[in-house]
C-alpha atoms as a PDB file:
ATOM      1  CA  MET A   1     -13.291  -0.913   2.340  1.00  0.00           C
ATOM      2  CA  PRO A   2      -9.827   0.596   2.369  1.00  0.00           C
ATOM      3  CA  GLU A   3      -9.455   0.111  -1.370  1.00  0.00           C
ATOM      4  CA  ASN A   4     -12.018   2.846  -2.034  1.00  0.00           C
ATOM      5  CA  LEU A   5      -9.711   5.591  -0.740  1.00  0.00           C
ATOM      6  CA  LEU A   6      -6.610   4.518  -2.645  1.00  0.00           C
ATOM      7  CA  SER A   7      -5.816   4.843  -6.334  1.00  0.00           C
ATOM      8  CA  ALA A   8      -5.526   1.826  -8.605  1.00  0.00           C
ATOM      9  CA  SER A   9      -1.819   2.601  -9.089  1.00  0.00           C
ATOM     10  CA  VAL A  10      -1.102   2.492  -5.373  1.00  0.00           C
ATOM     11  CA  LEU A  11      -3.169  -0.647  -4.774  1.00  0.00           C
ATOM     12  CA  SER A  12      -1.567  -2.439  -7.702  1.00  0.00           C
ATOM     13  CA  ALA A  13       1.978  -1.553  -6.614  1.00  0.00           C
ATOM     14  CA  VAL A  14       1.318  -2.537  -2.996  1.00  0.00           C
ATOM     15  CA  ALA A  15      -0.317  -5.819  -4.045  1.00  0.00           C
ATOM     16  CA  GLU A  16       2.670  -6.575  -6.281  1.00  0.00           C
ATOM     17  CA  ALA A  17       5.102  -5.922  -3.404  1.00  0.00           C
ATOM     18  CA  ILE A  18       3.127  -8.279  -1.148  1.00  0.00           C
ATOM     19  CA  GLU A  19       2.964 -10.906  -3.906  1.00  0.00           C
ATOM     20  CA  LYS A  20       6.735 -10.755  -4.416  1.00  0.00           C
ATOM     21  CA  HIS A  21       7.416 -11.059  -0.706  1.00  0.00           C
ATOM     22  CA  PHE A  22       5.045 -13.928   0.028  1.00  0.00           C
ATOM     23  CA  GLY A  23       4.895 -15.585  -3.395  1.00  0.00           C
ATOM     24  CA  LYS A  24       1.114 -15.687  -3.460  1.00  0.00           C
ATOM     25  CA  PRO A  25      -1.407 -13.765  -5.567  1.00  0.00           C
ATOM     26  CA  ILE A  26      -3.290 -10.926  -3.902  1.00  0.00           C
ATOM     27  CA  ASN A  27      -6.852 -10.264  -4.950  1.00  0.00           C
ATOM     28  CA  TYR A  28      -9.148  -7.463  -3.947  1.00  0.00           C
ATOM     29  CA  PRO A  29     -12.445  -6.126  -5.270  1.00  0.00           C
ATOM     30  CA  GLY A  30     -11.963  -4.043  -8.363  1.00  0.00           C
ATOM     31  CA  ARG A  31      -8.525  -5.371  -9.274  1.00  0.00           C
ATOM     32  CA  LYS A  32      -8.271  -5.708 -13.009  1.00  0.00           C
ATOM     33  CA  ALA A  33      -5.312  -6.129 -15.295  1.00  0.00           C
ATOM     34  CA  ASN A  34      -4.386  -2.952 -17.150  1.00  0.00           C
ATOM     35  CA  ASP A  35      -6.645  -0.854 -14.900  1.00  0.00           C
ATOM     36  CA  VAL A  36      -3.815   1.215 -13.457  1.00  0.00           C
ATOM     37  CA  GLN A  37      -4.073   4.962 -13.857  1.00  0.00           C
ATOM     38  CA  PRO A  38      -0.928   7.081 -14.072  1.00  0.00           C
ATOM     39  CA  GLU A  39       0.101   8.255 -10.632  1.00  0.00           C
ATOM     40  CA  GLU A  40       2.845  10.393  -9.196  1.00  0.00           C
ATOM     41  CA  PRO A  41       5.815   7.967  -9.101  1.00  0.00           C
ATOM     42  CA  ALA A  42       6.977   9.225  -5.706  1.00  0.00           C
ATOM     43  CA  LYS A  43       3.558   8.476  -4.176  1.00  0.00           C
ATOM     44  CA  VAL A  44       3.595   4.913  -5.499  1.00  0.00           C
ATOM     45  CA  ALA A  45       7.214   4.434  -4.376  1.00  0.00           C
ATOM     46  CA  MET A  46       6.356   5.712  -0.898  1.00  0.00           C
ATOM     47  CA  ALA A  47       3.446   3.263  -0.650  1.00  0.00           C
ATOM     48  CA  VAL A  48       5.697   0.363  -1.689  1.00  0.00           C
ATOM     49  CA  ALA A  49       8.416   1.408   0.776  1.00  0.00           C
ATOM     50  CA  TYR A  50       5.819   1.564   3.559  1.00  0.00           C
ATOM     51  CA  THR A  51       4.534  -1.862   2.521  1.00  0.00           C
ATOM     52  CA  ASN A  52       8.024  -3.348   2.743  1.00  0.00           C
ATOM     53  CA  LEU A  53       8.583  -1.671   6.112  1.00  0.00           C
ATOM     54  CA  LEU A  54       5.395  -3.171   7.552  1.00  0.00           C
ATOM     55  CA  ILE A  55       6.124  -6.605   6.093  1.00  0.00           C
ATOM     56  CA  ASP A  56       9.680  -6.629   7.481  1.00  0.00           C
ATOM     57  CA  ASP A  57       8.614  -5.506  10.961  1.00  0.00           C
ATOM     58  CA  SER A  58       5.145  -4.112  11.495  1.00  0.00           C
ATOM     59  CA  HIS A  59       6.175  -2.594  14.837  1.00  0.00           C
ATOM     60  CA  ILE A  60       8.987  -0.490  13.386  1.00  0.00           C
ATOM     61  CA  ALA A  61       6.757   2.111  11.709  1.00  0.00           C
ATOM     62  CA  THR A  62       7.184   5.335  13.647  1.00  0.00           C
ATOM     63  CA  GLN A  63       5.644   8.792  13.659  1.00  0.00           C
ATOM     64  CA  TYR A  64       8.514   9.837  11.399  1.00  0.00           C
ATOM     65  CA  HIS A  65       7.382   7.310   8.785  1.00  0.00           C
ATOM     66  CA  ILE A  66       3.791   8.497   9.101  1.00  0.00           C
ATOM     67  CA  LYS A  67       4.865  12.126   8.653  1.00  0.00           C
ATOM     68  CA  MET A  68       6.734  11.179   5.485  1.00  0.00           C
ATOM     69  CA  LEU A  69       3.617   9.445   4.193  1.00  0.00           C
ATOM     70  CA  GLN A  70       1.558  12.555   4.956  1.00  0.00           C
ATOM     71  CA  SER A  71       3.531  14.357   2.255  1.00  0.00           C
ATOM     72  CA  TYR A  72       1.682  12.183  -0.269  1.00  0.00           C
ATOM     73  CA  PHE A  73      -1.390  10.757   1.481  1.00  0.00           C
ATOM     74  CA  THR A  74      -4.173  12.048   3.705  1.00  0.00           C
ATOM     75  CA  VAL A  75      -4.542  10.596   7.193  1.00  0.00           C
ATOM     76  CA  GLU A  76      -7.542   8.588   5.970  1.00  0.00           C
ATOM     77  CA  GLU A  77      -5.536   7.223   3.040  1.00  0.00           C
ATOM     78  CA  ILE A  78      -2.686   6.215   5.369  1.00  0.00           C
ATOM     79  CA  HIS A  79      -5.125   4.324   7.580  1.00  0.00           C
ATOM     80  CA  ALA A  80      -6.637   2.664   4.504  1.00  0.00           C
ATOM     81  CA  LEU A  81      -3.187   1.778   3.165  1.00  0.00           C
ATOM     82  CA  THR A  82      -2.126   0.312   6.514  1.00  0.00           C
ATOM     83  CA  GLN A  83      -5.338  -1.702   6.772  1.00  0.00           C
ATOM     84  CA  PHE A  84      -4.985  -2.967   3.189  1.00  0.00           C
ATOM     85  CA  ILE A  85      -1.371  -4.059   3.770  1.00  0.00           C
ATOM     86  CA  ARG A  86      -2.163  -5.780   7.069  1.00  0.00           C
ATOM     87  CA  GLU A  87      -5.183  -7.593   5.632  1.00  0.00           C
ATOM     88  CA  LYS A  88      -3.481  -8.758   2.454  1.00  0.00           C
ATOM     89  CA  ALA A  89      -0.145  -9.634   4.072  1.00  0.00           C
ATOM     90  CA  MET A  90      -1.937 -11.116   7.101  1.00  0.00           C
ATOM     91  CA  LEU A  91       0.118  -9.084   9.570  1.00  0.00           C
END
């Protein structure tokens, strides 16, 4: 499961971005209210920006975007994040 590699803060922020875009609740195993751990704000912001990029046009993500993500996430985390976004946003 991709959720296992990502922090609660990142998952919560990404789920909220998807919910706002599509107007539907996003559920995933382990999601609990008030279960968000403090996280580096830039990492969470980068995850949300990537989410919005994929939602707007999933084919626009380039190697440049991936390299920017690698400043905050491992390759495995980026794959998990991408999979989580695509599954939950049904891209």
